[in-house]
PDB file of all heavy atoms in Angstrom:
ATOM      1  N   LYS A   1       1.785   4.037  13.463  1.00  0.00           N
ATOM      2  CA  LYS A   1       2.020   3.364  14.748  1.00  0.00           C
ATOM      3  C   LYS A   1       1.484   1.936  14.741  1.00  0.00           C
ATOM      4  O   LYS A   1       2.072   1.041  15.354  1.00  0.00           O
ATOM      5  CB  LYS A   1       1.408   4.182  15.888  1.00  0.00           C
ATOM      6  CG  LYS A   1       2.184   5.468  16.155  1.00  0.00           C
ATOM      7  CD  LYS A   1       1.763   6.166  17.427  1.00  0.00           C
ATOM      8  CE  LYS A   1       0.467   6.898  17.266  1.00  0.00           C
ATOM      9  NZ  LYS A   1       0.150   7.731  18.455  1.00  0.00           N
ATOM     10  N   ILE A   2       0.389   1.701  14.026  1.00  0.00           N
ATOM     11  CA  ILE A   2      -0.126   0.335  13.892  1.00  0.00           C
ATOM     12  C   ILE A   2       0.892  -0.536  13.161  1.00  0.00           C
ATOM     13  O   ILE A   2       1.186  -1.661  13.580  1.00  0.00           O
ATOM     14  CB  ILE A   2      -1.482   0.331  13.163  1.00  0.00           C
ATOM     15  CG1 ILE A   2      -2.575   0.917  14.058  1.00  0.00           C
ATOM     16  CG2 ILE A   2      -1.865  -1.086  12.727  1.00  0.00           C
ATOM     17  CD1 ILE A   2      -3.901   1.126  13.357  1.00  0.00           C
ATOM     18  N   LEU A   3       1.445  -0.035  12.063  1.00  0.00           N
ATOM     19  CA  LEU A   3       2.444  -0.803  11.319  1.00  0.00           C
ATOM     20  C   LEU A   3       3.671  -1.083  12.175  1.00  0.00           C
ATOM     21  O   LEU A   3       4.235  -2.183  12.127  1.00  0.00           O
ATOM     22  CB  LEU A   3       2.847  -0.051  10.046  1.00  0.00           C
ATOM     23  CG  LEU A   3       1.826  -0.036   8.906  1.00  0.00           C
ATOM     24  CD1 LEU A   3       2.352   0.799   7.744  1.00  0.00           C
ATOM     25  CD2 LEU A   3       1.518  -1.450   8.421  1.00  0.00           C
ATOM     26  N   LEU A   4       4.098  -0.124  12.967  1.00  0.00           N
ATOM     27  CA  LEU A   4       5.252  -0.335  13.842  1.00  0.00           C
ATOM     28  C   LEU A   4       4.957  -1.416  14.881  1.00  0.00           C
ATOM     29  O   LEU A   4       5.822  -2.244  15.193  1.00  0.00           O
ATOM     30  CB  LEU A   4       5.628   0.975  14.536  1.00  0.00           C
ATOM     31  CG  LEU A   4       6.255   2.059  13.651  1.00  0.00           C
ATOM     32  CD1 LEU A   4       6.353   3.379  14.408  1.00  0.00           C
ATOM     33  CD2 LEU A   4       7.632   1.618  13.165  1.00  0.00           C
ATOM     34  N   ARG A   5       3.748  -1.422  15.407  1.00  0.00           N
ATOM     35  CA  ARG A   5       3.391  -2.430  16.410  1.00  0.00           C
ATOM     36  C   ARG A   5       3.277  -3.822  15.799  1.00  0.00           C
ATOM     37  O   ARG A   5       3.474  -4.828  16.482  1.00  0.00           O
ATOM     38  CB  ARG A   5       2.061  -2.061  17.087  1.00  0.00           C
ATOM     39  CG  ARG A   5       2.154  -0.877  18.027  1.00  0.00           C
ATOM     40  CD  ARG A   5       0.956  -0.821  18.960  1.00  0.00           C
ATOM     41  NE  ARG A   5      -0.299  -0.638  18.240  1.00  0.00           N
ATOM     42  CZ  ARG A   5      -0.838   0.527  17.962  1.00  0.00           C
ATOM     43  NH1 ARG A   5      -0.225   1.643  18.316  1.00  0.00           N
ATOM     44  NH2 ARG A   5      -1.987   0.620  17.324  1.00  0.00           N
ATOM     45  N   MET A   6       2.962  -3.898  14.517  1.00  0.00           N
ATOM     46  CA  MET A   6       2.780  -5.191  13.855  1.00  0.00           C
ATOM     47  C   MET A   6       4.099  -5.917  13.596  1.00  0.00           C
ATOM     48  O   MET A   6       4.094  -7.104  13.302  1.00  0.00           O
ATOM     49  CB  MET A   6       2.032  -5.006  12.536  1.00  0.00           C
ATOM     50  CG  MET A   6       0.602  -4.557  12.709  1.00  0.00           C
ATOM     51  SD  MET A   6      -0.247  -4.265  11.131  1.00  0.00           S
ATOM     52  CE  MET A   6      -0.543  -5.937  10.594  1.00  0.00           C
ATOM     53  N   GLY A   7       5.194  -5.192  13.656  1.00  0.00           N
ATOM     54  CA  GLY A   7       6.487  -5.830  13.431  1.00  0.00           C
ATOM     55  C   GLY A   7       7.014  -5.580  12.030  1.00  0.00           C
ATOM     56  O   GLY A   7       6.250  -5.366  11.076  1.00  0.00           O
ATOM     57  N   ARG A   8       8.318  -5.618  11.923  1.00  0.00           N
ATOM     58  CA  ARG A   8       8.998  -5.215  10.690  1.00  0.00           C
ATOM     59  C   ARG A   8       8.591  -6.066   9.481  1.00  0.00           C
ATOM     60  O   ARG A   8       8.317  -5.545   8.403  1.00  0.00           O
ATOM     61  CB  ARG A   8      10.503  -5.314  10.927  1.00  0.00           C
ATOM     62  CG  ARG A   8      11.376  -4.628   9.911  1.00  0.00           C
ATOM     63  CD  ARG A   8      12.814  -4.678  10.394  1.00  0.00           C
ATOM     64  NE  ARG A   8      13.705  -3.926   9.537  1.00  0.00           N
ATOM     65  CZ  ARG A   8      14.999  -3.767   9.794  1.00  0.00           C
ATOM     66  NH1 ARG A   8      15.523  -4.295  10.892  1.00  0.00           N
ATOM     67  NH2 ARG A   8      15.764  -3.071   8.966  1.00  0.00           N
ATOM     68  N   GLN A   9       8.561  -7.374   9.635  1.00  0.00           N
ATOM     69  CA  GLN A   9       8.248  -8.255   8.502  1.00  0.00           C
ATOM     70  C   GLN A   9       6.808  -8.066   8.034  1.00  0.00           C
ATOM     71  O   GLN A   9       6.539  -8.003   6.824  1.00  0.00           O
ATOM     72  CB  GLN A   9       8.506  -9.715   8.866  1.00  0.00           C
ATOM     73  CG  GLN A   9       9.978 -10.055   9.006  1.00  0.00           C
ATOM     74  CD  GLN A   9      10.204 -11.545   9.179  1.00  0.00           C
ATOM     75  OE1 GLN A   9       9.268 -12.307   9.450  1.00  0.00           O
ATOM     76  NE2 GLN A   9      11.441 -11.980   9.026  1.00  0.00           N
ATOM     77  N   ASN A  10       5.880  -7.985   8.978  1.00  0.00           N
ATOM     78  CA  ASN A  10       4.476  -7.761   8.610  1.00  0.00           C
ATOM     79  C   ASN A  10       4.307  -6.420   7.907  1.00  0.00           C
ATOM     80  O   ASN A  10       3.597  -6.312   6.904  1.00  0.00           O
ATOM     81  CB  ASN A  10       3.592  -7.793   9.859  1.00  0.00           C
ATOM     82  CG  ASN A  10       3.408  -9.198  10.403  1.00  0.00           C
ATOM     83  OD1 ASN A  10       3.430 -10.170   9.661  1.00  0.00           O
ATOM     84  ND2 ASN A  10       3.226  -9.302  11.707  1.00  0.00           N
ATOM     85  N   ALA A  11       4.961  -5.390   8.444  1.00  0.00           N
ATOM     86  CA  ALA A  11       4.859  -4.063   7.841  1.00  0.00           C
ATOM     87  C   ALA A  11       5.408  -4.051   6.421  1.00  0.00           C
ATOM     88  O   ALA A  11       4.830  -3.420   5.526  1.00  0.00           O
ATOM     89  CB  ALA A  11       5.591  -3.040   8.707  1.00  0.00           C
ATOM     90  N   THR A  12       6.504  -4.759   6.196  1.00  0.00           N
ATOM     91  CA  THR A  12       7.104  -4.815   4.860  1.00  0.00           C
ATOM     92  C   THR A  12       6.139  -5.438   3.856  1.00  0.00           C
ATOM     93  O   THR A  12       5.992  -4.955   2.726  1.00  0.00           O
ATOM     94  CB  THR A  12       8.418  -5.614   4.891  1.00  0.00           C
ATOM     95  OG1 THR A  12       9.361  -4.936   5.748  1.00  0.00           O
ATOM     96  CG2 THR A  12       9.022  -5.757   3.506  1.00  0.00           C
ATOM     97  N   LYS A  13       5.465  -6.498   4.254  1.00  0.00           N
ATOM     98  CA  LYS A  13       4.514  -7.165   3.364  1.00  0.00           C
ATOM     99  C   LYS A  13       3.324  -6.258   3.058  1.00  0.00           C
ATOM    100  O   LYS A  13       2.869  -6.181   1.905  1.00  0.00           O
ATOM    101  CB  LYS A  13       4.030  -8.472   4.005  1.00  0.00           C
ATOM    102  CG  LYS A  13       5.109  -9.545   4.127  1.00  0.00           C
ATOM    103  CD  LYS A  13       4.577 -10.767   4.862  1.00  0.00           C
ATOM    104  CE  LYS A  13       5.667 -11.817   5.025  1.00  0.00           C
ATOM    105  NZ  LYS A  13       5.184 -13.000   5.793  1.00  0.00           N
ATOM    106  N   LEU A  14       2.817  -5.566   4.065  1.00  0.00           N
ATOM    107  CA  LEU A  14       1.671  -4.686   3.849  1.00  0.00           C
ATOM    108  C   LEU A  14       2.061  -3.474   3.008  1.00  0.00           C
ATOM    109  O   LEU A  14       1.278  -3.006   2.182  1.00  0.00           O
ATOM    110  CB  LEU A  14       1.091  -4.244   5.191  1.00  0.00           C
ATOM    111  CG  LEU A  14       0.412  -5.349   6.005  1.00  0.00           C
ATOM    112  CD1 LEU A  14      -0.106  -4.793   7.325  1.00  0.00           C
ATOM    113  CD2 LEU A  14      -0.729  -5.989   5.229  1.00  0.00           C
ATOM    114  N   LYS A  15       3.270  -2.974   3.207  1.00  0.00           N
ATOM    115  CA  LYS A  15       3.728  -1.846   2.394  1.00  0.00           C
ATOM    116  C   LYS A  15       3.815  -2.240   0.917  1.00  0.00           C
ATOM    117  O   LYS A  15       3.492  -1.439   0.026  1.00  0.00           O
ATOM    118  CB  LYS A  15       5.094  -1.363   2.877  1.00  0.00           C
ATOM    119  CG  LYS A  15       5.052  -0.519   4.140  1.00  0.00           C
ATOM    120  CD  LYS A  15       6.471  -0.070   4.477  1.00  0.00           C
ATOM    121  CE  LYS A  15       6.529   0.804   5.685  1.00  0.00           C
ATOM    122  NZ  LYS A  15       7.914   1.268   5.962  1.00  0.00           N
ATOM    123  N   ALA A  16       4.256  -3.453   0.646  1.00  0.00           N
ATOM    124  CA  ALA A  16       4.328  -3.920  -0.743  1.00  0.00           C
ATOM    125  C   ALA A  16       2.938  -3.960  -1.361  1.00  0.00           C
ATOM    126  O   ALA A  16       2.742  -3.574  -2.521  1.00  0.00           O
ATOM    127  CB  ALA A  16       4.986  -5.294  -0.796  1.00  0.00           C
ATOM    128  N   LYS A  17       1.951  -4.425  -0.590  1.00  0.00           N
ATOM    129  CA  LYS A  17       0.579  -4.473  -1.089  1.00  0.00           C
ATOM    130  C   LYS A  17       0.048  -3.056  -1.322  1.00  0.00           C
ATOM    131  O   LYS A  17      -0.599  -2.774  -2.343  1.00  0.00           O
ATOM    132  CB  LYS A  17      -0.310  -5.207  -0.085  1.00  0.00           C
ATOM    133  CG  LYS A  17      -1.680  -5.580  -0.619  1.00  0.00           C
ATOM    134  CD  LYS A  17      -1.566  -6.652  -1.685  1.00  0.00           C
ATOM    135  CE  LYS A  17      -2.900  -7.228  -2.060  1.00  0.00           C
ATOM    136  NZ  LYS A  17      -2.778  -8.273  -3.108  1.00  0.00           N
ATOM    137  N   LEU A  18       0.327  -2.164  -0.393  1.00  0.00           N
ATOM    138  CA  LEU A  18      -0.125  -0.781  -0.534  1.00  0.00           C
ATOM    139  C   LEU A  18       0.515  -0.099  -1.741  1.00  0.00           C
ATOM    140  O   LEU A  18      -0.131   0.700  -2.430  1.00  0.00           O
ATOM    141  CB  LEU A  18       0.203  -0.001   0.741  1.00  0.00           C
ATOM    142  CG  LEU A  18      -0.635  -0.342   1.980  1.00  0.00           C
ATOM    143  CD1 LEU A  18      -0.033   0.294   3.225  1.00  0.00           C
ATOM    144  CD2 LEU A  18      -2.075   0.111   1.798  1.00  0.00           C
ATOM    145  N   THR A  19       1.772  -0.409  -1.995  1.00  0.00           N
ATOM    146  CA  THR A  19       2.457   0.159  -3.152  1.00  0.00           C
ATOM    147  C   THR A  19       1.771  -0.268  -4.448  1.00  0.00           C
ATOM    148  O   THR A  19       1.583   0.537  -5.370  1.00  0.00           O
ATOM    149  CB  THR A  19       3.931  -0.272  -3.165  1.00  0.00           C
ATOM    150  OG1 THR A  19       4.575   0.215  -1.983  1.00  0.00           O
ATOM    151  CG2 THR A  19       4.658   0.270  -4.390  1.00  0.00           C
ATOM    152  N   ASP A  20       1.382  -1.536  -4.511  1.00  0.00           N
ATOM    153  CA  ASP A  20       0.686  -2.052  -5.695  1.00  0.00           C
ATOM    154  C   ASP A  20      -0.672  -1.375  -5.859  1.00  0.00           C
ATOM    155  O   ASP A  20      -1.068  -0.973  -6.960  1.00  0.00           O
ATOM    156  CB  ASP A  20       0.526  -3.566  -5.558  1.00  0.00           C
ATOM    157  CG  ASP A  20       0.023  -4.223  -6.845  1.00  0.00           C
ATOM    158  OD1 ASP A  20       0.100  -3.582  -7.911  1.00  0.00           O
ATOM    159  OD2 ASP A  20      -0.427  -5.377  -6.778  1.00  0.00           O
ATOM    160  N   ILE A  21      -1.400  -1.222  -4.756  1.00  0.00           N
ATOM    161  CA  ILE A  21      -2.704  -0.568  -4.812  1.00  0.00           C
ATOM    162  C   ILE A  21      -2.554   0.885  -5.258  1.00  0.00           C
ATOM    163  O   ILE A  21      -3.289   1.365  -6.119  1.00  0.00           O
ATOM    164  CB  ILE A  21      -3.398  -0.634  -3.435  1.00  0.00           C
ATOM    165  CG1 ILE A  21      -3.768  -2.076  -3.089  1.00  0.00           C
ATOM    166  CG2 ILE A  21      -4.647   0.256  -3.410  1.00  0.00           C
ATOM    167  CD1 ILE A  21      -4.251  -2.267  -1.674  1.00  0.00           C
ATOM    168  N   ARG A  22      -1.585   1.578  -4.688  1.00  0.00           N
ATOM    169  CA  ARG A  22      -1.387   2.993  -5.033  1.00  0.00           C
ATOM    170  C   ARG A  22      -1.110   3.155  -6.523  1.00  0.00           C
ATOM    171  O   ARG A  22      -1.619   4.078  -7.165  1.00  0.00           O
ATOM    172  CB  ARG A  22      -0.235   3.587  -4.227  1.00  0.00           C
ATOM    173  CG  ARG A  22      -0.121   5.096  -4.386  1.00  0.00           C
ATOM    174  CD  ARG A  22       1.218   5.622  -3.911  1.00  0.00           C
ATOM    175  NE  ARG A  22       1.225   7.071  -3.886  1.00  0.00           N
ATOM    176  CZ  ARG A  22       1.298   7.859  -4.960  1.00  0.00           C
ATOM    177  NH1 ARG A  22       1.366   7.325  -6.182  1.00  0.00           N
ATOM    178  NH2 ARG A  22       1.311   9.180  -4.836  1.00  0.00           N
ATOM    179  N   ARG A  23      -0.278   2.278  -7.051  1.00  0.00           N
ATOM    180  CA  ARG A  23       0.078   2.349  -8.466  1.00  0.00           C
ATOM    181  C   ARG A  23      -1.165   2.259  -9.354  1.00  0.00           C
ATOM    182  O   ARG A  23      -1.239   2.892 -10.404  1.00  0.00           O
ATOM    183  CB  ARG A  23       1.045   1.215  -8.801  1.00  0.00           C
ATOM    184  CG  ARG A  23       1.470   1.140 -10.259  1.00  0.00           C
ATOM    185  CD  ARG A  23       2.478   0.022 -10.456  1.00  0.00           C
ATOM    186  NE  ARG A  23       1.925  -1.284 -10.127  1.00  0.00           N
ATOM    187  CZ  ARG A  23       1.187  -2.010 -10.962  1.00  0.00           C
ATOM    188  NH1 ARG A  23       0.886  -1.548 -12.164  1.00  0.00           N
ATOM    189  NH2 ARG A  23       0.738  -3.194 -10.596  1.00  0.00           N
ATOM    190  N   ARG A  24      -2.150   1.514  -8.894  1.00  0.00           N
ATOM    191  CA  ARG A  24      -3.346   1.273  -9.705  1.00  0.00           C
ATOM    192  C   ARG A  24      -4.414   2.356  -9.554  1.00  0.00           C
ATOM    193  O   ARG A  24      -5.253   2.518 -10.445  1.00  0.00           O
ATOM    194  CB  ARG A  24      -3.952  -0.090  -9.348  1.00  0.00           C
ATOM    195  CG  ARG A  24      -3.034  -1.263  -9.680  1.00  0.00           C
ATOM    196  CD  ARG A  24      -3.584  -2.559  -9.087  1.00  0.00           C
ATOM    197  NE  ARG A  24      -2.669  -3.681  -9.255  1.00  0.00           N
ATOM    198  CZ  ARG A  24      -2.676  -4.513 -10.290  1.00  0.00           C
ATOM    199  NH1 ARG A  24      -3.570  -4.356 -11.261  1.00  0.00           N
ATOM    200  NH2 ARG A  24      -1.818  -5.513 -10.366  1.00  0.00           N
ATOM    201  N   ILE A  25      -4.415   3.082  -8.426  1.00  0.00           N
ATOM    202  CA  ILE A  25      -5.502   4.041  -8.191  1.00  0.00           C
ATOM    203  C   ILE A  25      -5.069   5.498  -8.258  1.00  0.00           C
ATOM    204  O   ILE A  25      -5.914   6.391  -8.314  1.00  0.00           O
ATOM    205  CB  ILE A  25      -6.191   3.793  -6.830  1.00  0.00           C
ATOM    206  CG1 ILE A  25      -5.270   4.176  -5.674  1.00  0.00           C
ATOM    207  CG2 ILE A  25      -6.669   2.359  -6.707  1.00  0.00           C
ATOM    208  CD1 ILE A  25      -5.967   4.175  -4.326  1.00  0.00           C
ATOM    209  N   ALA A  26      -3.769   5.776  -8.255  1.00  0.00           N
ATOM    210  CA  ALA A  26      -3.305   7.156  -8.147  1.00  0.00           C
ATOM    211  C   ALA A  26      -3.429   7.927  -9.447  1.00  0.00           C
ATOM    212  O   ALA A  26      -3.484   9.155  -9.442  1.00  0.00           O
ATOM    213  CB  ALA A  26      -1.868   7.197  -7.650  1.00  0.00           C
ATOM    214  N   GLN A  27      -3.428   7.229 -10.557  1.00  0.00           N
ATOM    215  CA  GLN A  27      -3.490   7.915 -11.841  1.00  0.00           C
ATOM    216  C   GLN A  27      -4.113   6.980 -12.875  1.00  0.00           C
ATOM    217  O   GLN A  27      -4.375   5.823 -12.585  1.00  0.00           O
ATOM    218  CB  GLN A  27      -2.093   8.342 -12.296  1.00  0.00           C
ATOM    219  CG  GLN A  27      -1.082   7.211 -12.337  1.00  0.00           C
ATOM    220  CD  GLN A  27       0.339   7.721 -12.537  1.00  0.00           C
ATOM    221  OE1 GLN A  27       0.564   8.901 -12.710  1.00  0.00           O
ATOM    222  NE2 GLN A  27       1.288   6.820 -12.524  1.00  0.00           N
ATOM    223  N   GLY A  28      -4.328   7.485 -14.061  1.00  0.00           N
ATOM    224  CA  GLY A  28      -4.872   6.652 -15.118  1.00  0.00           C
ATOM    225  C   GLY A  28      -6.360   6.439 -14.985  1.00  0.00           C
ATOM    226  O   GLY A  28      -7.086   7.221 -14.359  1.00  0.00           O
ATOM    227  N   PRO A  29      -6.878   5.348 -15.556  1.00  0.00           N
ATOM    228  CA  PRO A  29      -8.330   5.102 -15.632  1.00  0.00           C
ATOM    229  C   PRO A  29      -9.033   5.090 -14.284  1.00  0.00           C
ATOM    230  O   PRO A  29     -10.142   5.596 -14.167  1.00  0.00           O
ATOM    231  CB  PRO A  29      -8.417   3.736 -16.327  1.00  0.00           C
ATOM    232  CG  PRO A  29      -7.133   3.608 -17.092  1.00  0.00           C
ATOM    233  CD  PRO A  29      -6.107   4.312 -16.271  1.00  0.00           C
ATOM    234  N   VAL A  30      -8.400   4.482 -13.280  1.00  0.00           N
ATOM    235  CA  VAL A  30      -9.062   4.392 -11.975  1.00  0.00           C
ATOM    236  C   VAL A  30      -9.251   5.781 -11.362  1.00  0.00           C
ATOM    237  O   VAL A  30     -10.341   6.124 -10.887  1.00  0.00           O
ATOM    238  CB  VAL A  30      -8.265   3.486 -11.011  1.00  0.00           C
ATOM    239  CG1 VAL A  30      -8.877   3.522  -9.620  1.00  0.00           C
ATOM    240  CG2 VAL A  30      -8.240   2.066 -11.527  1.00  0.00           C
ATOM    241  N   ALA A  31      -8.200   6.592 -11.382  1.00  0.00           N
ATOM    242  CA  ALA A  31      -8.300   7.943 -10.818  1.00  0.00           C
ATOM    243  C   ALA A  31      -9.327   8.771 -11.574  1.00  0.00           C
ATOM    244  O   ALA A  31     -10.127   9.493 -10.971  1.00  0.00           O
ATOM    245  CB  ALA A  31      -6.935   8.624 -10.838  1.00  0.00           C
ATOM    246  N   ARG A  32      -9.339   8.657 -12.905  1.00  0.00           N
ATOM    247  CA  ARG A  32     -10.316   9.416 -13.694  1.00  0.00           C
ATOM    248  C   ARG A  32     -11.735   8.942 -13.415  1.00  0.00           C
ATOM    249  O   ARG A  32     -12.657   9.760 -13.308  1.00  0.00           O
ATOM    250  CB  ARG A  32      -9.990   9.264 -15.190  1.00  0.00           C
ATOM    251  CG  ARG A  32      -8.745  10.041 -15.616  1.00  0.00           C
ATOM    252  CD  ARG A  32      -8.690  10.177 -17.133  1.00  0.00           C
ATOM    253  NE  ARG A  32      -8.569   8.873 -17.787  1.00  0.00           N
ATOM    254  CZ  ARG A  32      -7.407   8.290 -18.065  1.00  0.00           C
ATOM    255  NH1 ARG A  32      -6.263   8.883 -17.713  1.00  0.00           N
ATOM    256  NH2 ARG A  32      -7.362   7.125 -18.685  1.00  0.00           N
ATOM    257  N   ALA A  33     -11.913   7.630 -13.257  1.00  0.00           N
ATOM    258  CA  ALA A  33     -13.235   7.099 -12.964  1.00  0.00           C
ATOM    259  C   ALA A  33     -13.730   7.613 -11.615  1.00  0.00           C
ATOM    260  O   ALA A  33     -14.894   7.976 -11.459  1.00  0.00           O
ATOM    261  CB  ALA A  33     -13.206   5.572 -12.981  1.00  0.00           C
TER     262      ALA A  33
END
């Protein structure tokens, strides 16, 4: 609901950042650490 209130363009930018973060922490060295 916060992302929806922030507006479509803002949400798209934050989702891209979250996707990058997820890729780095979900598996591999970071997850094992």
